[in-house]
Amino acid sequence: MGMGRESRWEKDAMTVEIVFALVTAAVLAGVIFAVAWTLVLTLDLSGSAEKGVLAGGALLGAVAGVWRLVRVLLRFDEQRRMGR
């Protein structure tokens, strides 16, 4: 693949990969937050313990979501550069 303009197929592939990365990152973040929410409900936490677990779940979910997004996009870019 040269350094010229991308073909329509390549642009479509990039779009699909970006959407895939965003959706899987959001799902991963949501699942992690749901686990934290389930812990709060299961352990019947309240007050600062509830807020702490939910804040930790939100933070961990956000970090995992960003990690997933970056990982998928970097993998796609690496494969694109190798010509796959």
C-alpha atoms as a PDB file:
ATOM      1  CA  MET A   1       0.000   0.000   0.000  1.00  0.00           C
ATOM      2  CA  GLY A   2       1.491   3.310  -1.039  1.00  0.00           C
ATOM      3  CA  MET A   3       1.460   6.638   0.672  1.00  0.00           C
ATOM      4  CA  GLY A   4      -1.265   7.933  -1.660  1.00  0.00           C
ATOM      5  CA  ARG A   5      -4.915   8.408  -0.962  1.00  0.00           C
ATOM      6  CA  GLU A   6      -6.861   5.596   0.645  1.00  0.00           C
ATOM      7  CA  SER A   7      -9.286   3.617  -1.441  1.00  0.00           C
ATOM      8  CA  ARG A   8     -12.981   3.536  -0.587  1.00  0.00           C
ATOM      9  CA  TRP A   9     -12.522   0.015   0.793  1.00  0.00           C
ATOM     10  CA  GLU A  10      -9.771   1.194   3.143  1.00  0.00           C
ATOM     11  CA  LYS A  11     -11.890   4.093   4.392  1.00  0.00           C
ATOM     12  CA  ASP A  12     -14.812   1.744   5.002  1.00  0.00           C
ATOM     13  CA  ALA A  13     -12.532  -0.677   6.857  1.00  0.00           C
ATOM     14  CA  MET A  14     -11.274   2.159   9.070  1.00  0.00           C
ATOM     15  CA  THR A  15     -14.820   3.262   9.826  1.00  0.00           C
ATOM     16  CA  VAL A  16     -15.882  -0.261  10.765  1.00  0.00           C
ATOM     17  CA  GLU A  17     -12.837  -0.692  12.982  1.00  0.00           C
ATOM     18  CA  ILE A  18     -13.427   2.623  14.766  1.00  0.00           C
ATOM     19  CA  VAL A  19     -17.078   1.749  15.432  1.00  0.00           C
ATOM     20  CA  PHE A  20     -16.063  -1.735  16.621  1.00  0.00           C
ATOM     21  CA  ALA A  21     -13.483  -0.229  18.975  1.00  0.00           C
ATOM     22  CA  LEU A  22     -15.967   2.288  20.390  1.00  0.00           C
ATOM     23  CA  VAL A  23     -18.747  -0.255  20.893  1.00  0.00           C
ATOM     24  CA  THR A  24     -16.546  -2.886  22.536  1.00  0.00           C
ATOM     25  CA  ALA A  25     -14.937  -0.228  24.762  1.00  0.00           C
ATOM     26  CA  ALA A  26     -18.367   0.999  25.887  1.00  0.00           C
ATOM     27  CA  VAL A  27     -19.578  -2.551  26.536  1.00  0.00           C
ATOM     28  CA  LEU A  28     -16.455  -3.383  28.552  1.00  0.00           C
ATOM     29  CA  ALA A  29     -16.806  -0.210  30.628  1.00  0.00           C
ATOM     30  CA  GLY A  30     -20.491  -0.926  31.189  1.00  0.00           C
ATOM     31  CA  VAL A  31     -19.856  -4.496  32.291  1.00  0.00           C
ATOM     32  CA  ILE A  32     -17.218  -3.404  34.786  1.00  0.00           C
ATOM     33  CA  PHE A  33     -19.524  -0.740  36.222  1.00  0.00           C
ATOM     34  CA  ALA A  34     -22.366  -3.287  36.380  1.00  0.00           C
ATOM     35  CA  VAL A  35     -20.122  -5.596  38.420  1.00  0.00           C
ATOM     36  CA  ALA A  36     -19.442  -2.748  40.850  1.00  0.00           C
ATOM     37  CA  TRP A  37     -23.171  -1.983  41.040  1.00  0.00           C
ATOM     38  CA  THR A  38     -23.902  -5.657  41.687  1.00  0.00           C
ATOM     39  CA  LEU A  39     -21.343  -5.669  44.508  1.00  0.00           C
ATOM     40  CA  VAL A  40     -23.067  -2.674  46.091  1.00  0.00           C
ATOM     41  CA  LEU A  41     -26.455  -4.383  45.889  1.00  0.00           C
ATOM     42  CA  THR A  42     -25.194  -7.809  46.969  1.00  0.00           C
ATOM     43  CA  LEU A  43     -23.199  -6.549  49.939  1.00  0.00           C
ATOM     44  CA  ASP A  44     -25.938  -4.044  50.845  1.00  0.00           C
ATOM     45  CA  LEU A  45     -23.456  -1.188  51.030  1.00  0.00           C
ATOM     46  CA  SER A  46     -24.557   2.343  51.804  1.00  0.00           C
ATOM     47  CA  GLY A  47     -23.065   5.762  52.392  1.00  0.00           C
ATOM     48  CA  SER A  48     -19.421   6.327  51.636  1.00  0.00           C
ATOM     49  CA  ALA A  49     -18.754   2.626  50.987  1.00  0.00           C
ATOM     50  CA  GLU A  50     -21.397   2.613  48.238  1.00  0.00           C
ATOM     51  CA  LYS A  51     -20.015   5.801  46.707  1.00  0.00           C
ATOM     52  CA  GLY A  52     -16.470   4.475  46.879  1.00  0.00           C
ATOM     53  CA  VAL A  53     -17.282   1.182  45.171  1.00  0.00           C
ATOM     54  CA  LEU A  54     -19.330   2.907  42.466  1.00  0.00           C
ATOM     55  CA  ALA A  55     -16.640   5.540  41.890  1.00  0.00           C
ATOM     56  CA  GLY A  56     -14.003   2.801  41.705  1.00  0.00           C
ATOM     57  CA  GLY A  57     -16.143   0.832  39.279  1.00  0.00           C
ATOM     58  CA  ALA A  58     -16.678   3.898  37.115  1.00  0.00           C
ATOM     59  CA  LEU A  59     -12.967   4.720  37.130  1.00  0.00           C
ATOM     60  CA  LEU A  60     -11.915   1.150  36.413  1.00  0.00           C
ATOM     61  CA  GLY A  61     -14.544   0.895  33.678  1.00  0.00           C
ATOM     62  CA  ALA A  62     -13.348   4.109  32.054  1.00  0.00           C
ATOM     63  CA  VAL A  63      -9.709   3.031  32.158  1.00  0.00           C
ATOM     64  CA  ALA A  64     -10.543  -0.407  30.734  1.00  0.00           C
ATOM     65  CA  GLY A  65     -12.685   1.165  28.018  1.00  0.00           C
ATOM     66  CA  VAL A  66      -9.925   3.541  26.934  1.00  0.00           C
ATOM     67  CA  TRP A  67      -7.402   0.684  27.040  1.00  0.00           C
ATOM     68  CA  ARG A  68      -9.651  -1.410  24.795  1.00  0.00           C
ATOM     69  CA  LEU A  69     -10.200   1.456  22.364  1.00  0.00           C
ATOM     70  CA  VAL A  70      -6.491   2.201  22.035  1.00  0.00           C
ATOM     71  CA  ARG A  71      -5.554  -1.475  21.782  1.00  0.00           C
ATOM     72  CA  VAL A  72      -8.016  -2.197  18.965  1.00  0.00           C
ATOM     73  CA  LEU A  73      -7.065   0.891  16.975  1.00  0.00           C
ATOM     74  CA  LEU A  74      -3.326   0.309  17.345  1.00  0.00           C
ATOM     75  CA  ARG A  75      -3.726  -3.319  16.284  1.00  0.00           C
ATOM     76  CA  PHE A  76      -5.721  -2.223  13.241  1.00  0.00           C
ATOM     77  CA  ASP A  77      -3.111   0.402  12.308  1.00  0.00           C
ATOM     78  CA  GLU A  78      -0.315  -2.149  12.650  1.00  0.00           C
ATOM     79  CA  GLN A  79      -2.134  -4.635  10.409  1.00  0.00           C
ATOM     80  CA  ARG A  80      -2.938  -1.876   7.888  1.00  0.00           C
ATOM     81  CA  ARG A  81       0.705  -0.862   7.708  1.00  0.00           C
ATOM     82  CA  MET A  82       1.747  -4.489   7.164  1.00  0.00           C
ATOM     83  CA  GLY A  83      -0.663  -4.686   4.237  1.00  0.00           C
ATOM     84  CA  ARG A  84      -3.194  -7.130   5.685  1.00  0.00           C
END
